Amino acid sequence: MNNTWSNLTSFERNLLVGIKVMDFPNNKNFSDDWKNSFTYHHDLGMWNYSTNPRQAYDVIEKLIDEGHVVEIKIHNLKQFFCRIALSTEILSGTSFSEAESFQESICLAALRAKGYVIT
């Protein structure tokens, strides 16, 4: 997978968040059964973190449970900002992740909070 968010499909974005943030198995040699299972469940509407606001909130809940601090700002209906860090002191020095949707800003910030470089 490449590291440019805009070049990823919705499926690839959700798979990336699932692996890097939600702790899905991160073996690069996924079995066909695993891939088929993920695709099947994704197509049923599960694990759509980058497109479903409720599922994006699952990402926030997981990170808060891990001790992260989350800050979200809504500038307008097409401009959302999110930043996530392990403490309020670190949060103040963390850049916001900007996106056109609430859920994408959360996914981008979550990936960055987990140390994944994404542009």
N, C-alpha and C. Protein backbone atom coordinates (compact mmCIF):
# COMPACT_ATOMS: atom_id res chain seq x y z
N MET A 1 0.84 -1.18 0.00
CA MET A 1 0.00 0.00 0.00
C MET A 1 0.88 1.25 0.00
N ASN A 2 0.47 2.24 -0.76
CA ASN A 2 1.28 3.46 -0.77
C ASN A 2 0.88 4.35 0.41
N ASN A 3 1.63 5.41 0.61
CA ASN A 3 1.41 6.27 1.78
C ASN A 3 0.71 7.57 1.43
N THR A 4 -0.01 7.62 0.34
CA THR A 4 -0.77 8.81 -0.05
C THR A 4 -2.25 8.50 0.08
N TRP A 5 -2.89 9.13 1.04
CA TRP A 5 -4.30 8.87 1.36
C TRP A 5 -5.19 9.02 0.14
N SER A 6 -4.98 10.08 -0.61
CA SER A 6 -5.87 10.36 -1.75
C SER A 6 -5.75 9.32 -2.86
N ASN A 7 -4.65 8.57 -2.88
CA ASN A 7 -4.48 7.54 -3.91
C ASN A 7 -5.04 6.19 -3.50
N LEU A 8 -5.47 6.07 -2.25
CA LEU A 8 -6.01 4.80 -1.76
C LEU A 8 -7.51 4.73 -2.02
N THR A 9 -7.98 3.53 -2.31
CA THR A 9 -9.43 3.34 -2.42
C THR A 9 -10.01 3.32 -1.01
N SER A 10 -11.30 3.44 -0.91
CA SER A 10 -11.96 3.36 0.38
C SER A 10 -11.63 2.04 1.07
N PHE A 11 -11.66 0.96 0.32
CA PHE A 11 -11.33 -0.35 0.85
C PHE A 11 -9.91 -0.37 1.42
N GLU A 12 -8.95 0.17 0.67
CA GLU A 12 -7.55 0.20 1.12
C GLU A 12 -7.39 1.08 2.37
N ARG A 13 -8.09 2.19 2.41
CA ARG A 13 -8.04 3.06 3.59
C ARG A 13 -8.53 2.33 4.83
N ASN A 14 -9.65 1.65 4.67
CA ASN A 14 -10.23 0.93 5.81
C ASN A 14 -9.36 -0.23 6.25
N LEU A 15 -8.76 -0.92 5.30
CA LEU A 15 -7.85 -2.01 5.63
C LEU A 15 -6.63 -1.47 6.37
N LEU A 16 -6.10 -0.35 5.92
CA LEU A 16 -4.95 0.27 6.56
C LEU A 16 -5.26 0.66 8.01
N VAL A 17 -6.40 1.30 8.22
CA VAL A 17 -6.80 1.68 9.58
C VAL A 17 -7.03 0.43 10.42
N GLY A 18 -7.63 -0.58 9.83
CA GLY A 18 -7.85 -1.82 10.55
C GLY A 18 -6.55 -2.44 11.04
N ILE A 19 -5.54 -2.45 10.19
CA ILE A 19 -4.27 -3.07 10.54
C ILE A 19 -3.45 -2.18 11.48
N LYS A 20 -3.29 -0.91 11.13
CA LYS A 20 -2.38 -0.02 11.87
C LYS A 20 -2.98 0.54 13.16
N VAL A 21 -4.30 0.68 13.21
CA VAL A 21 -4.93 1.31 14.38
C VAL A 21 -5.76 0.32 15.18
N MET A 22 -6.56 -0.46 14.50
CA MET A 22 -7.51 -1.34 15.20
C MET A 22 -6.94 -2.72 15.50
N ASP A 23 -5.68 -2.92 15.19
CA ASP A 23 -4.94 -4.13 15.55
C ASP A 23 -5.41 -5.40 14.84
N PHE A 24 -5.86 -5.26 13.60
CA PHE A 24 -6.09 -6.45 12.80
C PHE A 24 -4.73 -7.11 12.57
N PRO A 25 -4.69 -8.38 12.23
CA PRO A 25 -3.40 -9.03 11.97
C PRO A 25 -2.62 -8.25 10.92
N ASN A 26 -1.33 -8.04 11.15
CA ASN A 26 -0.55 -7.24 10.21
C ASN A 26 0.49 -8.06 9.45
N ASN A 27 0.19 -9.30 9.24
CA ASN A 27 1.05 -10.16 8.45
C ASN A 27 0.93 -9.74 6.98
N LYS A 28 2.05 -9.44 6.35
CA LYS A 28 2.01 -9.00 4.94
C LYS A 28 1.54 -10.11 4.01
N ASN A 29 1.63 -11.33 4.45
CA ASN A 29 1.21 -12.46 3.62
C ASN A 29 -0.16 -12.95 4.05
N PHE A 30 -1.15 -12.09 3.94
CA PHE A 30 -2.50 -12.47 4.33
C PHE A 30 -2.94 -13.69 3.52
N SER A 31 -3.58 -14.60 4.19
CA SER A 31 -4.10 -15.76 3.48
C SER A 31 -5.29 -15.34 2.62
N ASP A 32 -5.59 -16.12 1.62
CA ASP A 32 -6.75 -15.83 0.78
C ASP A 32 -8.03 -15.85 1.62
N ASP A 33 -8.11 -16.77 2.58
CA ASP A 33 -9.29 -16.83 3.44
C ASP A 33 -9.46 -15.54 4.24
N TRP A 34 -8.33 -15.01 4.75
CA TRP A 34 -8.39 -13.77 5.53
C TRP A 34 -8.84 -12.61 4.64
N LYS A 35 -8.24 -12.52 3.46
CA LYS A 35 -8.62 -11.45 2.51
C LYS A 35 -10.09 -11.55 2.12
N ASN A 36 -10.53 -12.76 1.84
CA ASN A 36 -11.93 -12.96 1.47
C ASN A 36 -12.87 -12.61 2.61
N SER A 37 -12.48 -12.96 3.83
CA SER A 37 -13.30 -12.64 4.99
C SER A 37 -13.38 -11.13 5.21
N PHE A 38 -12.23 -10.44 5.11
CA PHE A 38 -12.25 -8.98 5.28
C PHE A 38 -13.12 -8.34 4.20
N THR A 39 -12.94 -8.76 2.96
CA THR A 39 -13.72 -8.20 1.86
C THR A 39 -15.22 -8.45 2.07
N TYR A 40 -15.57 -9.64 2.46
CA TYR A 40 -16.97 -10.00 2.70
C TYR A 40 -17.58 -9.10 3.78
N HIS A 41 -16.90 -8.98 4.91
CA HIS A 41 -17.43 -8.17 6.00
C HIS A 41 -17.42 -6.68 5.66
N HIS A 42 -16.40 -6.24 4.95
CA HIS A 42 -16.34 -4.85 4.52
C HIS A 42 -17.51 -4.54 3.59
N ASP A 43 -17.78 -5.43 2.68
CA ASP A 43 -18.90 -5.23 1.75
C ASP A 43 -20.25 -5.24 2.46
N LEU A 44 -20.33 -5.90 3.60
CA LEU A 44 -21.56 -5.90 4.41
C LEU A 44 -21.72 -4.61 5.22
N GLY A 45 -20.68 -3.77 5.20
CA GLY A 45 -20.75 -2.50 5.92
C GLY A 45 -19.92 -2.44 7.18
N MET A 46 -19.17 -3.49 7.46
CA MET A 46 -18.31 -3.49 8.65
C MET A 46 -16.94 -2.90 8.28
N TRP A 47 -16.30 -2.31 9.27
CA TRP A 47 -14.93 -1.81 9.14
C TRP A 47 -14.80 -0.74 8.06
N ASN A 48 -15.82 0.10 7.93
CA ASN A 48 -15.78 1.23 6.99
C ASN A 48 -15.41 2.51 7.74
N TYR A 49 -14.24 2.49 8.36
CA TYR A 49 -13.82 3.57 9.24
C TYR A 49 -13.73 4.92 8.54
N SER A 50 -13.32 4.92 7.28
CA SER A 50 -13.10 6.20 6.58
C SER A 50 -14.37 6.77 5.95
N THR A 51 -15.46 6.02 5.99
CA THR A 51 -16.70 6.51 5.36
C THR A 51 -17.90 6.50 6.30
N ASN A 52 -17.84 5.77 7.38
CA ASN A 52 -18.98 5.65 8.30
C ASN A 52 -18.67 6.37 9.61
N PRO A 53 -19.40 7.45 9.92
CA PRO A 53 -19.10 8.20 11.15
C PRO A 53 -19.13 7.35 12.42
N ARG A 54 -20.06 6.43 12.53
CA ARG A 54 -20.13 5.60 13.74
C ARG A 54 -18.90 4.70 13.87
N GLN A 55 -18.47 4.17 12.75
CA GLN A 55 -17.28 3.31 12.79
C GLN A 55 -16.00 4.13 13.00
N ALA A 56 -15.99 5.37 12.52
CA ALA A 56 -14.85 6.25 12.82
C ALA A 56 -14.80 6.54 14.31
N TYR A 57 -15.97 6.64 14.93
CA TYR A 57 -16.02 6.86 16.38
C TYR A 57 -15.46 5.64 17.12
N ASP A 58 -15.60 4.45 16.56
CA ASP A 58 -14.98 3.26 17.15
C ASP A 58 -13.47 3.42 17.24
N VAL A 59 -12.88 4.07 16.24
CA VAL A 59 -11.45 4.35 16.24
C VAL A 59 -11.12 5.28 17.41
N ILE A 60 -11.92 6.33 17.58
CA ILE A 60 -11.69 7.26 18.69
C ILE A 60 -11.80 6.52 20.03
N GLU A 61 -12.83 5.72 20.20
CA GLU A 61 -13.01 4.99 21.46
C GLU A 61 -11.81 4.10 21.76
N LYS A 62 -11.29 3.42 20.74
CA LYS A 62 -10.14 2.55 20.95
C LYS A 62 -8.93 3.35 21.41
N LEU A 63 -8.68 4.47 20.75
CA LEU A 63 -7.52 5.28 21.10
C LEU A 63 -7.67 5.90 22.49
N ILE A 64 -8.86 6.34 22.84
CA ILE A 64 -9.08 6.87 24.19
C ILE A 64 -8.86 5.77 25.22
N ASP A 65 -9.34 4.57 24.94
CA ASP A 65 -9.12 3.44 25.85
C ASP A 65 -7.63 3.16 26.04
N GLU A 66 -6.83 3.45 25.02
CA GLU A 66 -5.38 3.27 25.10
C GLU A 66 -4.68 4.44 25.78
N GLY A 67 -5.44 5.47 26.16
CA GLY A 67 -4.86 6.62 26.86
C GLY A 67 -4.58 7.84 26.00
N HIS A 68 -5.00 7.81 24.75
CA HIS A 68 -4.79 8.96 23.87
C HIS A 68 -5.78 10.08 24.17
N VAL A 69 -5.38 11.28 23.80
CA VAL A 69 -6.23 12.47 23.88
C VAL A 69 -6.60 12.82 22.44
N VAL A 70 -7.86 13.16 22.22
CA VAL A 70 -8.35 13.44 20.87
C VAL A 70 -8.95 14.84 20.84
N GLU A 71 -8.61 15.59 19.81
CA GLU A 71 -9.20 16.92 19.61
C GLU A 71 -9.71 16.99 18.17
N ILE A 72 -10.97 17.40 18.04
CA ILE A 72 -11.60 17.51 16.72
C ILE A 72 -12.15 18.92 16.57
N LYS A 73 -11.92 19.51 15.41
CA LYS A 73 -12.46 20.83 15.09
C LYS A 73 -13.21 20.74 13.77
N ILE A 74 -14.35 21.36 13.74
CA ILE A 74 -15.14 21.41 12.51
C ILE A 74 -15.15 22.86 12.05
N HIS A 75 -14.53 23.11 10.90
CA HIS A 75 -14.47 24.48 10.37
C HIS A 75 -15.73 24.78 9.58
N ASN A 76 -16.12 23.86 8.73
CA ASN A 76 -17.37 23.94 7.98
C ASN A 76 -17.73 22.52 7.55
N LEU A 77 -18.76 22.35 6.76
CA LEU A 77 -19.21 21.01 6.41
C LEU A 77 -18.29 20.26 5.45
N LYS A 78 -17.22 20.89 5.01
CA LYS A 78 -16.26 20.25 4.12
C LYS A 78 -14.83 20.37 4.64
N GLN A 79 -14.68 20.76 5.90
CA GLN A 79 -13.34 20.96 6.44
C GLN A 79 -13.31 20.55 7.91
N PHE A 80 -12.70 19.40 8.16
CA PHE A 80 -12.62 18.82 9.50
C PHE A 80 -11.16 18.64 9.88
N PHE A 81 -10.87 18.85 11.15
CA PHE A 81 -9.50 18.72 11.65
C PHE A 81 -9.52 17.80 12.87
N CYS A 82 -8.50 16.95 12.97
CA CYS A 82 -8.40 16.06 14.11
C CYS A 82 -6.92 15.88 14.44
N ARG A 83 -6.63 15.83 15.74
CA ARG A 83 -5.29 15.46 16.16
C ARG A 83 -5.40 14.57 17.39
N ILE A 84 -4.46 13.65 17.49
CA ILE A 84 -4.49 12.64 18.53
C ILE A 84 -3.07 12.47 19.07
N ALA A 85 -2.96 12.41 20.39
CA ALA A 85 -1.65 12.21 21.01
C ALA A 85 -1.83 11.48 22.34
N LEU A 86 -0.72 11.09 22.94
CA LEU A 86 -0.77 10.33 24.20
C LEU A 86 -0.97 11.19 25.44
N SER A 87 -0.86 12.51 25.29
CA SER A 87 -1.11 13.39 26.43
C SER A 87 -1.47 14.78 25.93
N THR A 88 -2.05 15.59 26.81
CA THR A 88 -2.42 16.95 26.40
C THR A 88 -1.18 17.78 26.11
N GLU A 89 -0.06 17.49 26.78
CA GLU A 89 1.18 18.23 26.51
C GLU A 89 1.68 17.95 25.10
N ILE A 90 1.65 16.68 24.73
CA ILE A 90 2.08 16.31 23.39
C ILE A 90 1.07 16.80 22.36
N LEU A 91 -0.21 16.77 22.70
CA LEU A 91 -1.26 17.18 21.77
C LEU A 91 -1.05 18.61 21.28
N SER A 92 -0.65 19.50 22.18
CA SER A 92 -0.48 20.90 21.80
C SER A 92 0.60 21.08 20.74
N GLY A 93 1.53 20.15 20.63
CA GLY A 93 2.58 20.24 19.62
C GLY A 93 2.32 19.37 18.41
N THR A 94 1.16 18.76 18.35
CA THR A 94 0.82 17.84 17.26
C THR A 94 0.03 18.58 16.18
N SER A 95 0.35 18.31 14.95
CA SER A 95 -0.36 18.93 13.84
C SER A 95 -1.73 18.30 13.66
N PHE A 96 -2.66 19.11 13.19
CA PHE A 96 -3.99 18.59 12.86
C PHE A 96 -3.95 17.85 11.53
N SER A 97 -4.73 16.81 11.43
CA SER A 97 -4.97 16.13 10.16
C SER A 97 -6.25 16.71 9.59
N GLU A 98 -6.18 17.20 8.38
CA GLU A 98 -7.33 17.87 7.76
C GLU A 98 -7.91 16.99 6.67
N ALA A 99 -9.24 16.95 6.61
CA ALA A 99 -9.92 16.19 5.56
C ALA A 99 -11.28 16.80 5.29
N GLU A 100 -11.91 16.32 4.22
CA GLU A 100 -13.23 16.82 3.85
C GLU A 100 -14.36 16.13 4.59
N SER A 101 -14.03 15.10 5.39
CA SER A 101 -15.05 14.44 6.18
C SER A 101 -14.53 14.20 7.59
N PHE A 102 -15.46 14.17 8.51
CA PHE A 102 -15.19 13.88 9.92
C PHE A 102 -14.40 12.58 10.05
N GLN A 103 -14.91 11.54 9.40
CA GLN A 103 -14.31 10.22 9.56
C GLN A 103 -12.92 10.13 8.94
N GLU A 104 -12.68 10.80 7.83
CA GLU A 104 -11.34 10.76 7.23
C GLU A 104 -10.33 11.50 8.10
N SER A 105 -10.73 12.62 8.70
CA SER A 105 -9.80 13.35 9.57
C SER A 105 -9.42 12.49 10.77
N ILE A 106 -10.36 11.73 11.29
CA ILE A 106 -10.09 10.82 12.41
C ILE A 106 -9.12 9.72 11.98
N CYS A 107 -9.39 9.12 10.84
CA CYS A 107 -8.52 8.03 10.35
C CYS A 107 -7.09 8.52 10.12
N LEU A 108 -6.95 9.66 9.49
CA LEU A 108 -5.62 10.21 9.23
C LEU A 108 -4.89 10.50 10.54
N ALA A 109 -5.56 11.14 11.47
CA ALA A 109 -4.93 11.46 12.76
C ALA A 109 -4.59 10.19 13.54
N ALA A 110 -5.45 9.19 13.47
CA ALA A 110 -5.20 7.93 14.17
C ALA A 110 -3.97 7.22 13.59
N LEU A 111 -3.87 7.19 12.28
CA LEU A 111 -2.70 6.57 11.66
C LEU A 111 -1.43 7.29 12.08
N ARG A 112 -1.46 8.60 12.08
CA ARG A 112 -0.28 9.38 12.48
C ARG A 112 0.05 9.18 13.95
N ALA A 113 -0.99 9.09 14.79
CA ALA A 113 -0.76 8.86 16.22
C ALA A 113 -0.11 7.50 16.48
N LYS A 114 -0.36 6.55 15.59
CA LYS A 114 0.23 5.21 15.70
C LYS A 114 1.60 5.13 15.02
N GLY A 115 2.07 6.27 14.51
CA GLY A 115 3.41 6.31 13.92
C GLY A 115 3.46 6.00 12.44
N TYR A 116 2.32 5.87 11.80
CA TYR A 116 2.31 5.58 10.37
C TYR A 116 2.37 6.89 9.60
N VAL A 117 3.30 6.97 8.66
CA VAL A 117 3.47 8.19 7.86
C VAL A 117 2.52 8.13 6.67
N ILE A 118 1.61 9.10 6.61
CA ILE A 118 0.63 9.15 5.53
C ILE A 118 0.50 10.61 5.09
N THR A 119 0.41 10.82 3.81
CA THR A 119 0.30 12.20 3.29
C THR A 119 -1.05 12.39 2.63
